[in-house]
Protein backbone atom coordinates (compact mmCIF):
# COMPACT_ATOMS: atom_id res chain seq x y z
CA UNK A 1 0.00 0.00 0.00
CA UNK A 2 1.56 3.35 -1.01
CA UNK A 3 2.20 5.88 1.71
CA UNK A 4 0.19 9.07 1.49
CA UNK A 5 1.96 12.42 1.60
CA UNK A 6 0.22 15.15 3.57
CA UNK A 7 0.94 18.82 2.97
CA UNK A 8 2.13 20.97 5.83
CA UNK A 9 -1.06 23.03 5.54
CA UNK A 10 -3.16 19.87 5.94
CA UNK A 11 -1.13 18.77 8.96
CA UNK A 12 -1.50 22.09 10.79
CA UNK A 13 -5.19 22.30 10.00
CA UNK A 14 -5.76 18.70 11.12
CA UNK A 15 -3.92 19.13 14.42
CA UNK A 16 -5.82 22.30 15.28
CA UNK A 17 -9.18 20.81 14.31
CA UNK A 18 -8.48 17.57 16.20
CA UNK A 19 -7.63 19.46 19.37
CA UNK A 20 -10.90 21.43 19.12
CA UNK A 21 -13.04 18.44 18.10
CA UNK A 22 -15.83 18.03 20.70
CA UNK A 23 -15.64 14.21 20.76
CA UNK A 24 -11.85 14.09 21.09
CA UNK A 25 -8.83 13.45 18.90
CA UNK A 26 -9.58 9.76 18.30
CA UNK A 27 -13.10 10.52 17.06
CA UNK A 28 -11.78 13.26 14.78
CA UNK A 29 -9.21 10.89 13.32
CA UNK A 30 -11.83 8.20 12.69
CA UNK A 31 -14.06 10.74 10.95
CA UNK A 32 -11.20 11.85 8.69
CA UNK A 33 -9.68 8.41 8.13
CA UNK A 34 -6.24 9.24 9.51
CA UNK A 35 -4.29 7.65 12.33
CA UNK A 36 -4.34 9.45 15.66
CA UNK A 37 -0.62 8.68 15.88
CA UNK A 38 -0.15 11.09 12.97
CA UNK A 39 -2.00 13.85 14.82
CA UNK A 40 0.11 13.40 17.95
CA UNK A 41 3.35 13.28 15.92
CA UNK A 42 2.36 16.41 13.98
CA UNK A 43 1.37 18.15 17.20
CA UNK A 44 4.77 17.36 18.70
CA UNK A 45 6.52 18.69 15.59
CA UNK A 46 4.43 21.87 15.71
CA UNK A 47 5.25 22.49 19.34
CA UNK A 48 8.96 21.82 18.92
CA UNK A 49 9.16 24.27 15.99
CA UNK A 50 6.75 26.92 17.29
CA UNK A 51 9.53 29.25 18.47
CA UNK A 52 10.76 29.67 14.89
CA UNK A 53 7.50 31.45 14.05
CA UNK A 54 8.52 34.40 16.17
CA UNK A 55 12.29 34.27 15.72
CA UNK A 56 14.00 37.11 13.91
CA UNK A 57 15.96 35.92 10.87
CA UNK A 58 19.72 35.83 11.38
CA UNK A 59 21.95 38.51 9.86
CA UNK A 60 23.33 35.94 7.39
CA UNK A 61 19.81 35.07 6.26
CA UNK A 62 18.91 38.74 5.83
CA UNK A 63 22.06 39.34 3.74
CA UNK A 64 21.31 36.30 1.60
CA UNK A 65 17.72 37.44 1.01
CA UNK A 66 18.92 40.92 -0.02
CA UNK A 67 21.48 39.40 -2.41
CA UNK A 68 18.89 37.09 -3.96
CA UNK A 69 16.40 39.94 -4.34
CA UNK A 70 19.03 42.04 -6.13
CA UNK A 71 19.91 39.11 -8.40
CA UNK A 72 16.25 38.53 -9.19
CA UNK A 73 15.77 42.21 -10.02
CA UNK A 74 18.80 42.10 -12.34
CA UNK A 75 17.45 39.02 -14.10
CA UNK A 76 14.03 40.63 -14.45
CA UNK A 77 15.57 43.67 -16.13
CA UNK A 78 17.54 41.43 -18.52
CA UNK A 79 14.40 39.47 -19.40
CA UNK A 80 12.51 42.70 -19.99
CA UNK A 81 15.24 44.01 -22.31
CA UNK A 82 15.44 40.76 -24.30
CA UNK A 83 11.65 40.57 -24.57
CA UNK A 84 11.48 44.17 -25.75
CA UNK A 85 14.15 43.45 -28.38
CA UNK A 86 12.28 40.35 -29.56
CA UNK A 87 9.03 42.29 -29.89
CA UNK A 88 10.79 45.02 -31.87
CA UNK A 89 12.37 42.44 -34.19
CA UNK A 90 9.00 40.79 -34.70
CA UNK A 91 7.40 44.14 -35.57
CA UNK A 92 10.09 44.91 -38.15
CA UNK A 93 10.24 41.42 -39.63
CA UNK A 94 9.82 41.27 -43.41
CA UNK A 95 9.39 37.83 -44.98
CA UNK A 96 10.81 39.06 -48.30
CA UNK A 97 14.11 39.85 -46.57
CA UNK A 98 14.29 36.24 -45.45
CA UNK A 99 13.64 35.05 -49.01
CA UNK A 100 16.47 37.27 -50.27
CA UNK A 101 18.85 35.67 -47.77
CA UNK A 102 17.90 32.16 -48.92
CA UNK A 103 18.51 32.97 -52.60
PDB file of N, CA and C in Angstrom:
ATOM      1  N   UNK A   1       0.850  -1.177   0.000  1.00  0.00           N
ATOM      2  CA  UNK A   1       0.000   0.000   0.000  1.00  0.00           C
ATOM      3  C   UNK A   1       0.894   1.237   0.000  1.00  0.00           C
ATOM      4  N   UNK A   2       0.697   2.167  -0.950  1.00  0.00           N
ATOM      5  CA  UNK A   2       1.560   3.352  -1.013  1.00  0.00           C
ATOM      6  C   UNK A   2       1.299   4.288   0.168  1.00  0.00           C
ATOM      7  N   UNK A   3       2.358   4.922   0.617  1.00  0.00           N
ATOM      8  CA  UNK A   3       2.202   5.881   1.708  1.00  0.00           C
ATOM      9  C   UNK A   3       1.667   7.185   1.157  1.00  0.00           C
ATOM     10  N   UNK A   4       0.793   7.817   1.925  1.00  0.00           N
ATOM     11  CA  UNK A   4       0.193   9.068   1.493  1.00  0.00           C
ATOM     12  C   UNK A   4       1.015  10.237   2.033  1.00  0.00           C
ATOM     13  N   UNK A   5       1.238  11.217   1.198  1.00  0.00           N
ATOM     14  CA  UNK A   5       1.964  12.418   1.600  1.00  0.00           C
ATOM     15  C   UNK A   5       0.945  13.498   1.960  1.00  0.00           C
ATOM     16  N   UNK A   6       1.110  14.073   3.120  1.00  0.00           N
ATOM     17  CA  UNK A   6       0.224  15.147   3.566  1.00  0.00           C
ATOM     18  C   UNK A   6       0.980  16.462   3.507  1.00  0.00           C
ATOM     19  N   UNK A   7       0.310  17.502   3.040  1.00  0.00           N
ATOM     20  CA  UNK A   7       0.940  18.817   2.971  1.00  0.00           C
ATOM     21  C   UNK A   7       1.060  19.394   4.378  1.00  0.00           C
ATOM     22  N   UNK A   8       1.958  20.338   4.528  1.00  0.00           N
ATOM     23  CA  UNK A   8       2.130  20.971   5.835  1.00  0.00           C
ATOM     24  C   UNK A   8       0.866  21.726   6.233  1.00  0.00           C
ATOM     25  N   UNK A   9       0.194  22.313   5.259  1.00  0.00           N
ATOM     26  CA  UNK A   9      -1.058  23.031   5.536  1.00  0.00           C
ATOM     27  C   UNK A   9      -2.110  22.067   6.096  1.00  0.00           C
ATOM     28  N   UNK A  10      -2.205  20.882   5.483  1.00  0.00           N
ATOM     29  CA  UNK A  10      -3.161  19.873   5.941  1.00  0.00           C
ATOM     30  C   UNK A  10      -2.825  19.426   7.359  1.00  0.00           C
ATOM     31  N   UNK A  11      -1.546  19.234   7.633  1.00  0.00           N
ATOM     32  CA  UNK A  11      -1.126  18.772   8.955  1.00  0.00           C
ATOM     33  C   UNK A  11      -1.495  19.786  10.036  1.00  0.00           C
ATOM     34  N   UNK A  12      -1.187  21.045   9.800  1.00  0.00           N
ATOM     35  CA  UNK A  12      -1.495  22.090  10.789  1.00  0.00           C
ATOM     36  C   UNK A  12      -3.000  22.182  11.010  1.00  0.00           C
ATOM     37  N   UNK A  13      -3.729  22.203   9.914  1.00  0.00           N
ATOM     38  CA  UNK A  13      -5.192  22.302  10.004  1.00  0.00           C
ATOM     39  C   UNK A  13      -5.765  21.110  10.763  1.00  0.00           C
ATOM     40  N   UNK A  14      -5.257  19.908  10.470  1.00  0.00           N
ATOM     41  CA  UNK A  14      -5.761  18.699  11.125  1.00  0.00           C
ATOM     42  C   UNK A  14      -5.476  18.708  12.616  1.00  0.00           C
ATOM     43  N   UNK A  15      -4.269  19.097  12.995  1.00  0.00           N
ATOM     44  CA  UNK A  15      -3.920  19.134  14.421  1.00  0.00           C
ATOM     45  C   UNK A  15      -4.824  20.112  15.158  1.00  0.00           C
ATOM     46  N   UNK A  16      -4.995  21.291  14.607  1.00  0.00           N
ATOM     47  CA  UNK A  16      -5.822  22.298  15.282  1.00  0.00           C
ATOM     48  C   UNK A  16      -7.278  21.860  15.363  1.00  0.00           C
ATOM     49  N   UNK A  17      -7.793  21.273  14.298  1.00  0.00           N
ATOM     50  CA  UNK A  17      -9.178  20.808  14.309  1.00  0.00           C
ATOM     51  C   UNK A  17      -9.353  19.635  15.271  1.00  0.00           C
ATOM     52  N   UNK A  18      -8.389  18.728  15.301  1.00  0.00           N
ATOM     53  CA  UNK A  18      -8.477  17.567  16.199  1.00  0.00           C
ATOM     54  C   UNK A  18      -8.486  18.001  17.659  1.00  0.00           C
ATOM     55  N   UNK A  19      -7.685  18.996  17.975  1.00  0.00           N
ATOM     56  CA  UNK A  19      -7.633  19.461  19.366  1.00  0.00           C
ATOM     57  C   UNK A  19      -8.930  20.160  19.784  1.00  0.00           C
ATOM     58  N   UNK A  20      -9.638  20.740  18.825  1.00  0.00           N
ATOM     59  CA  UNK A  20     -10.897  21.430  19.124  1.00  0.00           C
ATOM     60  C   UNK A  20     -12.117  20.516  18.964  1.00  0.00           C
ATOM     61  N   UNK A  21     -11.920  19.337  18.407  1.00  0.00           N
ATOM     62  CA  UNK A  21     -13.041  18.443  18.100  1.00  0.00           C
ATOM     63  C   UNK A  21     -13.775  18.070  19.389  1.00  0.00           C
ATOM     64  N   UNK A  22     -15.097  18.247  19.437  1.00  0.00           N
ATOM     65  CA  UNK A  22     -15.827  18.029  20.695  1.00  0.00           C
ATOM     66  C   UNK A  22     -15.775  16.585  21.214  1.00  0.00           C
ATOM     67  N   UNK A  23     -15.647  15.613  20.323  1.00  0.00           N
ATOM     68  CA  UNK A  23     -15.636  14.214  20.757  1.00  0.00           C
ATOM     69  C   UNK A  23     -14.230  13.670  20.971  1.00  0.00           C
ATOM     70  N   UNK A  24     -13.219  14.499  20.840  1.00  0.00           N
ATOM     71  CA  UNK A  24     -11.851  14.091  21.093  1.00  0.00           C
ATOM     72  C   UNK A  24     -11.055  13.803  19.825  1.00  0.00           C
ATOM     73  N   UNK A  25      -9.761  13.646  20.014  1.00  0.00           N
ATOM     74  CA  UNK A  25      -8.832  13.448  18.897  1.00  0.00           C
ATOM     75  C   UNK A  25      -9.121  12.138  18.169  1.00  0.00           C
ATOM     76  N   UNK A  26      -9.349  11.069  18.927  1.00  0.00           N
ATOM     77  CA  UNK A  26      -9.580   9.765  18.305  1.00  0.00           C
ATOM     78  C   UNK A  26     -10.819   9.791  17.410  1.00  0.00           C
ATOM     79  N   UNK A  27     -11.873  10.427  17.865  1.00  0.00           N
ATOM     80  CA  UNK A  27     -13.102  10.516  17.063  1.00  0.00           C
ATOM     81  C   UNK A  27     -12.863  11.353  15.816  1.00  0.00           C
ATOM     82  N   UNK A  28     -12.103  12.433  15.957  1.00  0.00           N
ATOM     83  CA  UNK A  28     -11.777  13.258  14.785  1.00  0.00           C
ATOM     84  C   UNK A  28     -11.006  12.433  13.755  1.00  0.00           C
ATOM     85  N   UNK A  29     -10.025  11.696  14.229  1.00  0.00           N
ATOM     86  CA  UNK A  29      -9.207  10.893  13.318  1.00  0.00           C
ATOM     87  C   UNK A  29     -10.043   9.832  12.607  1.00  0.00           C
ATOM     88  N   UNK A  30     -10.952   9.178  13.332  1.00  0.00           N
ATOM     89  CA  UNK A  30     -11.830   8.199  12.690  1.00  0.00           C
ATOM     90  C   UNK A  30     -12.692   8.861  11.627  1.00  0.00           C
ATOM     91  N   UNK A  31     -13.184  10.064  11.914  1.00  0.00           N
ATOM     92  CA  UNK A  31     -14.057  10.744  10.946  1.00  0.00           C
ATOM     93  C   UNK A  31     -13.301  11.172   9.693  1.00  0.00           C
ATOM     94  N   UNK A  32     -12.010  11.410   9.824  1.00  0.00           N
ATOM     95  CA  UNK A  32     -11.198  11.846   8.686  1.00  0.00           C
ATOM     96  C   UNK A  32     -10.404  10.717   8.052  1.00  0.00           C
ATOM     97  N   UNK A  33     -10.390   9.554   8.696  1.00  0.00           N
ATOM     98  CA  UNK A  33      -9.676   8.410   8.133  1.00  0.00           C
ATOM     99  C   UNK A  33      -8.162   8.494   8.244  1.00  0.00           C
ATOM    100  N   UNK A  34      -7.686   9.163   9.284  1.00  0.00           N
ATOM    101  CA  UNK A  34      -6.238   9.236   9.508  1.00  0.00           C
ATOM    102  C   UNK A  34      -5.919   8.690  10.885  1.00  0.00           C
ATOM    103  N   UNK A  35      -4.714   8.229  11.063  1.00  0.00           N
ATOM    104  CA  UNK A  35      -4.293   7.646  12.335  1.00  0.00           C
ATOM    105  C   UNK A  35      -4.092   8.742  13.382  1.00  0.00           C
ATOM    106  N   UNK A  36      -4.544   8.458  14.603  1.00  0.00           N
ATOM    107  CA  UNK A  36      -4.336   9.446  15.665  1.00  0.00           C
ATOM    108  C   UNK A  36      -2.854   9.600  16.004  1.00  0.00           C
ATOM    109  N   UNK A  37      -2.065   8.572  15.673  1.00  0.00           N
ATOM    110  CA  UNK A  37      -0.616   8.681  15.877  1.00  0.00           C
ATOM    111  C   UNK A  37      -0.036   9.813  15.025  1.00  0.00           C
ATOM    112  N   UNK A  38      -0.586   9.979  13.814  1.00  0.00           N
ATOM    113  CA  UNK A  38      -0.153  11.088  12.966  1.00  0.00           C
ATOM    114  C   UNK A  38      -0.416  12.427  13.659  1.00  0.00           C
ATOM    115  N   UNK A  39      -1.622  12.587  14.177  1.00  0.00           N
ATOM    116  CA  UNK A  39      -1.997  13.853  14.819  1.00  0.00           C
ATOM    117  C   UNK A  39      -1.045  14.159  15.971  1.00  0.00           C
ATOM    118  N   UNK A  40      -0.770  13.160  16.796  1.00  0.00           N
ATOM    119  CA  UNK A  40       0.112  13.396  17.946  1.00  0.00           C
ATOM    120  C   UNK A  40       1.552  13.678  17.501  1.00  0.00           C
ATOM    121  N   UNK A  41       2.001  13.022  16.437  1.00  0.00           N
ATOM    122  CA  UNK A  41       3.348  13.283  15.917  1.00  0.00           C
ATOM    123  C   UNK A  41       3.414  14.697  15.340  1.00  0.00           C
ATOM    124  N   UNK A  42       2.387  15.072  14.576  1.00  0.00           N
ATOM    125  CA  UNK A  42       2.362  16.414  13.975  1.00  0.00           C
ATOM    126  C   UNK A  42       2.263  17.482  15.058  1.00  0.00           C
ATOM    127  N   UNK A  43       1.488  17.207  16.099  1.00  0.00           N
ATOM    128  CA  UNK A  43       1.366  18.152  17.204  1.00  0.00           C
ATOM    129  C   UNK A  43       2.728  18.355  17.872  1.00  0.00           C
ATOM    130  N   UNK A  44       3.443  17.268  18.088  1.00  0.00           N
ATOM    131  CA  UNK A  44       4.768  17.355  18.698  1.00  0.00           C
ATOM    132  C   UNK A  44       5.723  18.169  17.818  1.00  0.00           C
ATOM    133  N   UNK A  45       5.669  17.935  16.511  1.00  0.00           N
ATOM    134  CA  UNK A  45       6.518  18.693  15.588  1.00  0.00           C
ATOM    135  C   UNK A  45       6.156  20.173  15.613  1.00  0.00           C
ATOM    136  N   UNK A  46       4.856  20.472  15.654  1.00  0.00           N
ATOM    137  CA  UNK A  46       4.434  21.871  15.707  1.00  0.00           C
ATOM    138  C   UNK A  46       4.959  22.560  16.960  1.00  0.00           C
ATOM    139  N   UNK A  47       4.818  21.888  18.085  1.00  0.00           N
ATOM    140  CA  UNK A  47       5.251  22.494  19.341  1.00  0.00           C
ATOM    141  C   UNK A  47       6.759  22.664  19.405  1.00  0.00           C
ATOM    142  N   UNK A  48       7.505  21.707  18.867  1.00  0.00           N
ATOM    143  CA  UNK A  48       8.964  21.822  18.922  1.00  0.00           C
ATOM    144  C   UNK A  48       9.498  22.888  17.972  1.00  0.00           C
ATOM    145  N   UNK A  49       8.723  23.255  16.952  1.00  0.00           N
ATOM    146  CA  UNK A  49       9.160  24.271  15.991  1.00  0.00           C
ATOM    147  C   UNK A  49       8.421  25.598  16.132  1.00  0.00           C
ATOM    148  N   UNK A  50       7.577  25.716  17.137  1.00  0.00           N
ATOM    149  CA  UNK A  50       6.753  26.918  17.289  1.00  0.00           C
ATOM    150  C   UNK A  50       7.586  28.173  17.512  1.00  0.00           C
ATOM    151  N   UNK A  51       8.719  28.060  18.195  1.00  0.00           N
ATOM    152  CA  UNK A  51       9.532  29.246  18.473  1.00  0.00           C
ATOM    153  C   UNK A  51      10.082  29.886  17.206  1.00  0.00           C
ATOM    154  N   UNK A  52      10.226  29.105  16.136  1.00  0.00           N
ATOM    155  CA  UNK A  52      10.757  29.665  14.893  1.00  0.00           C
ATOM    156  C   UNK A  52       9.764  30.622  14.225  1.00  0.00           C
ATOM    157  N   UNK A  53       8.489  30.531  14.597  1.00  0.00           N
ATOM    158  CA  UNK A  53       7.498  31.454  14.045  1.00  0.00           C
ATOM    159  C   UNK A  53       7.781  32.900  14.444  1.00  0.00           C
ATOM    160  N   UNK A  54       8.322  33.063  15.632  1.00  0.00           N
ATOM    161  CA  UNK A  54       8.523  34.404  16.167  1.00  0.00           C
ATOM    162  C   UNK A  54       9.985  34.828  16.186  1.00  0.00           C
ATOM    163  N   UNK A  55      10.852  33.969  15.708  1.00  0.00           N
ATOM    164  CA  UNK A  55      12.286  34.271  15.718  1.00  0.00           C
ATOM    165  C   UNK A  55      12.624  35.254  14.594  1.00  0.00           C
ATOM    166  N   UNK A  56      13.518  36.164  14.906  1.00  0.00           N
ATOM    167  CA  UNK A  56      13.999  37.111  13.908  1.00  0.00           C
ATOM    168  C   UNK A  56      15.036  36.400  13.047  1.00  0.00           C
ATOM    169  N   UNK A  57      14.971  36.585  11.726  1.00  0.00           N
ATOM    170  CA  UNK A  57      15.963  35.921  10.868  1.00  0.00           C
ATOM    171  C   UNK A  57      17.380  36.391  11.209  1.00  0.00           C
ATOM    172  N   UNK A  58      18.335  35.498  11.062  1.00  0.00           N
ATOM    173  CA  UNK A  58      19.723  35.833  11.378  1.00  0.00           C
ATOM    174  C   UNK A  58      20.248  36.863  10.376  1.00  0.00           C
ATOM    175  N   UNK A  59      21.325  37.502  10.734  1.00  0.00           N
ATOM    176  CA  UNK A  59      21.954  38.510   9.859  1.00  0.00           C
ATOM    177  C   UNK A  59      22.373  37.866   8.541  1.00  0.00           C
ATOM    178  N   UNK A  60      22.909  36.641   8.604  1.00  0.00           N
ATOM    179  CA  UNK A  60      23.334  35.941   7.387  1.00  0.00           C
ATOM    180  C   UNK A  60      22.145  35.684   6.470  1.00  0.00           C
ATOM    181  N   UNK A  61      21.013  35.320   7.057  1.00  0.00           N
ATOM    182  CA  UNK A  61      19.809  35.074   6.264  1.00  0.00           C
ATOM    183  C   UNK A  61      19.323  36.366   5.618  1.00  0.00           C
ATOM    184  N   UNK A  62      19.350  37.449   6.371  1.00  0.00           N
ATOM    185  CA  UNK A  62      18.913  38.739   5.832  1.00  0.00           C
ATOM    186  C   UNK A  62      19.804  39.171   4.671  1.00  0.00           C
ATOM    187  N   UNK A  63      21.116  38.982   4.807  1.00  0.00           N
ATOM    188  CA  UNK A  63      22.056  39.336   3.742  1.00  0.00           C
ATOM    189  C   UNK A  63      21.798  38.483   2.505  1.00  0.00           C
ATOM    190  N   UNK A  64      21.572  37.206   2.718  1.00  0.00           N
ATOM    191  CA  UNK A  64      21.307  36.299   1.595  1.00  0.00           C
ATOM    192  C   UNK A  64      20.023  36.688   0.874  1.00  0.00           C
ATOM    193  N   UNK A  65      18.991  37.026   1.620  1.00  0.00           N
ATOM    194  CA  UNK A  65      17.722  37.440   1.010  1.00  0.00           C
ATOM    195  C   UNK A  65      17.924  38.704   0.187  1.00  0.00           C
ATOM    196  N   UNK A  66      18.649  39.669   0.713  1.00  0.00           N
ATOM    197  CA  UNK A  66      18.916  40.918  -0.022  1.00  0.00           C
ATOM    198  C   UNK A  66      19.671  40.639  -1.316  1.00  0.00           C
ATOM    199  N   UNK A  67      20.684  39.751  -1.237  1.00  0.00           N
ATOM    200  CA  UNK A  67      21.477  39.400  -2.413  1.00  0.00           C
ATOM    201  C   UNK A  67      20.609  38.717  -3.465  1.00  0.00           C
ATOM    202  N   UNK A  68      19.772  37.797  -3.029  1.00  0.00           N
ATOM    203  CA  UNK A  68      18.893  37.089  -3.960  1.00  0.00           C
ATOM    204  C   UNK A  68      17.851  38.017  -4.582  1.00  0.00           C
ATOM    205  N   UNK A  69      17.349  38.964  -3.796  1.00  0.00           N
ATOM    206  CA  UNK A  69      16.399  39.942  -4.338  1.00  0.00           C
ATOM    207  C   UNK A  69      17.069  40.804  -5.405  1.00  0.00           C
ATOM    208  N   UNK A  70      18.303  41.225  -5.153  1.00  0.00           N
ATOM    209  CA  UNK A  70      19.032  42.038  -6.131  1.00  0.00           C
ATOM    210  C   UNK A  70      19.294  41.232  -7.403  1.00  0.00           C
ATOM    211  N   UNK A  71      19.673  39.968  -7.252  1.00  0.00           N
ATOM    212  CA  UNK A  71      19.915  39.111  -8.404  1.00  0.00           C
ATOM    213  C   UNK A  71      18.635  38.900  -9.205  1.00  0.00           C
ATOM    214  N   UNK A  72      17.533  38.708  -8.516  1.00  0.00           N
ATOM    215  CA  UNK A  72      16.250  38.533  -9.191  1.00  0.00           C
ATOM    216  C   UNK A  72      15.850  39.795  -9.953  1.00  0.00           C
ATOM    217  N   UNK A  73      16.084  40.947  -9.362  1.00  0.00           N
ATOM    218  CA  UNK A  73      15.769  42.209 -10.023  1.00  0.00           C
ATOM    219  C   UNK A  73      16.625  42.389 -11.280  1.00  0.00           C
ATOM    220  N   UNK A  74      17.899  42.015 -11.184  1.00  0.00           N
ATOM    221  CA  UNK A  74      18.796  42.104 -12.343  1.00  0.00           C
ATOM    222  C   UNK A  74      18.319  41.182 -13.455  1.00  0.00           C
ATOM    223  N   UNK A  75      17.945  39.973 -13.098  1.00  0.00           N
ATOM    224  CA  UNK A  75      17.451  39.023 -14.099  1.00  0.00           C
ATOM    225  C   UNK A  75      16.153  39.508 -14.728  1.00  0.00           C
ATOM    226  N   UNK A  76      15.277  40.087 -13.917  1.00  0.00           N
ATOM    227  CA  UNK A  76      14.027  40.631 -14.452  1.00  0.00           C
ATOM    228  C   UNK A  76      14.288  41.729 -15.476  1.00  0.00           C
ATOM    229  N   UNK A  77      15.270  42.595 -15.191  1.00  0.00           N
ATOM    230  CA  UNK A  77      15.570  43.673 -16.133  1.00  0.00           C
ATOM    231  C   UNK A  77      16.167  43.122 -17.429  1.00  0.00           C
ATOM    232  N   UNK A  78      16.979  42.063 -17.324  1.00  0.00           N
ATOM    233  CA  UNK A  78      17.542  41.432 -18.520  1.00  0.00           C
ATOM    234  C   UNK A  78      16.429  40.795 -19.353  1.00  0.00           C
ATOM    235  N   UNK A  79      15.525  40.095 -18.690  1.00  0.00           N
ATOM    236  CA  UNK A  79      14.403  39.466 -19.397  1.00  0.00           C
ATOM    237  C   UNK A  79      13.545  40.521 -20.073  1.00  0.00           C
ATOM    238  N   UNK A  80      13.307  41.627 -19.407  1.00  0.00           N
ATOM    239  CA  UNK A  80      12.505  42.698 -19.992  1.00  0.00           C
ATOM    240  C   UNK A  80      13.187  43.264 -21.235  1.00  0.00           C
ATOM    241  N   UNK A  81      14.507  43.459 -21.163  1.00  0.00           N
ATOM    242  CA  UNK A  81      15.241  44.010 -22.306  1.00  0.00           C
ATOM    243  C   UNK A  81      15.222  43.039 -23.488  1.00  0.00           C
ATOM    244  N   UNK A  82      15.436  41.761 -23.221  1.00  0.00           N
ATOM    245  CA  UNK A  82      15.442  40.762 -24.298  1.00  0.00           C
ATOM    246  C   UNK A  82      14.050  40.635 -24.909  1.00  0.00           C
ATOM    247  N   UNK A  83      13.025  40.657 -24.075  1.00  0.00           N
ATOM    248  CA  UNK A  83      11.650  40.575 -24.570  1.00  0.00           C
ATOM    249  C   UNK A  83      11.318  41.782 -25.433  1.00  0.00           C
ATOM    250  N   UNK A  84      11.726  42.948 -24.977  1.00  0.00           N
ATOM    251  CA  UNK A  84      11.483  44.169 -25.747  1.00  0.00           C
ATOM    252  C   UNK A  84      12.170  44.095 -27.113  1.00  0.00           C
ATOM    253  N   UNK A  85      13.402  43.597 -27.124  1.00  0.00           N
ATOM    254  CA  UNK A  85      14.149  43.454 -28.378  1.00  0.00           C
ATOM    255  C   UNK A  85      13.454  42.449 -29.301  1.00  0.00           C
ATOM    256  N   UNK A  86      12.964  41.357 -28.747  1.00  0.00           N
ATOM    257  CA  UNK A  86      12.283  40.348 -29.559  1.00  0.00           C
ATOM    258  C   UNK A  86      10.998  40.902 -30.156  1.00  0.00           C
ATOM    259  N   UNK A  87      10.267  41.678 -29.379  1.00  0.00           N
ATOM    260  CA  UNK A  87       9.028  42.291 -29.891  1.00  0.00           C
ATOM    261  C   UNK A  87       9.347  43.264 -31.010  1.00  0.00           C
ATOM    262  N   UNK A  88      10.395  44.053 -30.835  1.00  0.00           N
ATOM    263  CA  UNK A  88      10.794  45.017 -31.874  1.00  0.00           C
ATOM    264  C   UNK A  88      11.209  44.294 -33.153  1.00  0.00           C
ATOM    265  N   UNK A  89      11.973  43.212 -33.017  1.00  0.00           N
ATOM    266  CA  UNK A  89      12.373  42.441 -34.194  1.00  0.00           C
ATOM    267  C   UNK A  89      11.159  41.841 -34.891  1.00  0.00           C
ATOM    268  N   UNK A  90      10.207  41.380 -34.124  1.00  0.00           N
ATOM    269  CA  UNK A  90       8.999  40.790 -34.701  1.00  0.00           C
ATOM    270  C   UNK A  90       8.190  41.845 -35.456  1.00  0.00           C
ATOM    271  N   UNK A  91       8.125  43.052 -34.908  1.00  0.00           N
ATOM    272  CA  UNK A  91       7.399  44.139 -35.575  1.00  0.00           C
ATOM    273  C   UNK A  91       8.044  44.500 -36.911  1.00  0.00           C
ATOM    274  N   UNK A  92       9.357  44.490 -36.949  1.00  0.00           N
ATOM    275  CA  UNK A  92      10.086  44.914 -38.147  1.00  0.00           C
ATOM    276  C   UNK A  92      10.418  43.765 -39.091  1.00  0.00           C
ATOM    277  N   UNK A  93       9.931  42.588 -38.802  1.00  0.00           N
ATOM    278  CA  UNK A  93      10.242  41.420 -39.629  1.00  0.00           C
ATOM    279  C   UNK A  93       9.555  41.541 -40.990  1.00  0.00           C
ATOM    280  N   UNK A  94      10.348  41.263 -42.035  1.00  0.00           N
ATOM    281  CA  UNK A  94       9.816  41.275 -43.407  1.00  0.00           C
ATOM    282  C   UNK A  94      10.149  39.925 -44.028  1.00  0.00           C
ATOM    283  N   UNK A  95       9.144  39.141 -44.394  1.00  0.00           N
ATOM    284  CA  UNK A  95       9.390  37.826 -44.979  1.00  0.00           C
ATOM    285  C   UNK A  95      10.213  37.892 -46.260  1.00  0.00           C
ATOM    286  N   UNK A  96      10.055  38.972 -47.046  1.00  0.00           N
ATOM    287  CA  UNK A  96      10.810  39.064 -48.305  1.00  0.00           C
ATOM    288  C   UNK A  96      12.311  39.179 -48.042  1.00  0.00           C
ATOM    289  N   UNK A  97      12.694  39.761 -46.903  1.00  0.00           N
ATOM    290  CA  UNK A  97      14.115  39.855 -46.572  1.00  0.00           C
ATOM    291  C   UNK A  97      14.668  38.460 -46.285  1.00  0.00           C
ATOM    292  N   UNK A  98      13.863  37.598 -45.699  1.00  0.00           N
ATOM    293  CA  UNK A  98      14.291  36.238 -45.451  1.00  0.00           C
ATOM    294  C   UNK A  98      14.437  35.470 -46.748  1.00  0.00           C
ATOM    295  N   UNK A  99      13.538  35.693 -47.686  1.00  0.00           N
ATOM    296  CA  UNK A  99      13.639  35.047 -49.005  1.00  0.00           C
ATOM    297  C   UNK A  99      14.891  35.490 -49.726  1.00  0.00           C
ATOM    298  N   UNK A 100      15.263  36.747 -49.619  1.00  0.00           N
ATOM    299  CA  UNK A 100      16.469  37.266 -50.270  1.00  0.00           C
ATOM    300  C   UNK A 100      17.710  36.607 -49.695  1.00  0.00           C
ATOM    301  N   UNK A 101      17.707  36.329 -48.389  1.00  0.00           N
ATOM    302  CA  UNK A 101      18.851  35.667 -47.772  1.00  0.00           C
ATOM    303  C   UNK A 101      18.987  34.225 -48.245  1.00  0.00           C
ATOM    304  N   UNK A 102      17.866  33.555 -48.489  1.00  0.00           N
ATOM    305  CA  UNK A 102      17.900  32.162 -48.922  1.00  0.00           C
ATOM    306  C   UNK A 102      18.363  32.017 -50.362  1.00  0.00           C
ATOM    307  N   UNK A 103      18.165  33.041 -51.173  1.00  0.00           N
ATOM    308  CA  UNK A 103      18.512  32.970 -52.597  1.00  0.00           C
ATOM    309  C   UNK A 103      19.977  33.138 -52.847  1.00  0.00           C
TER     310      UNK A 103
END
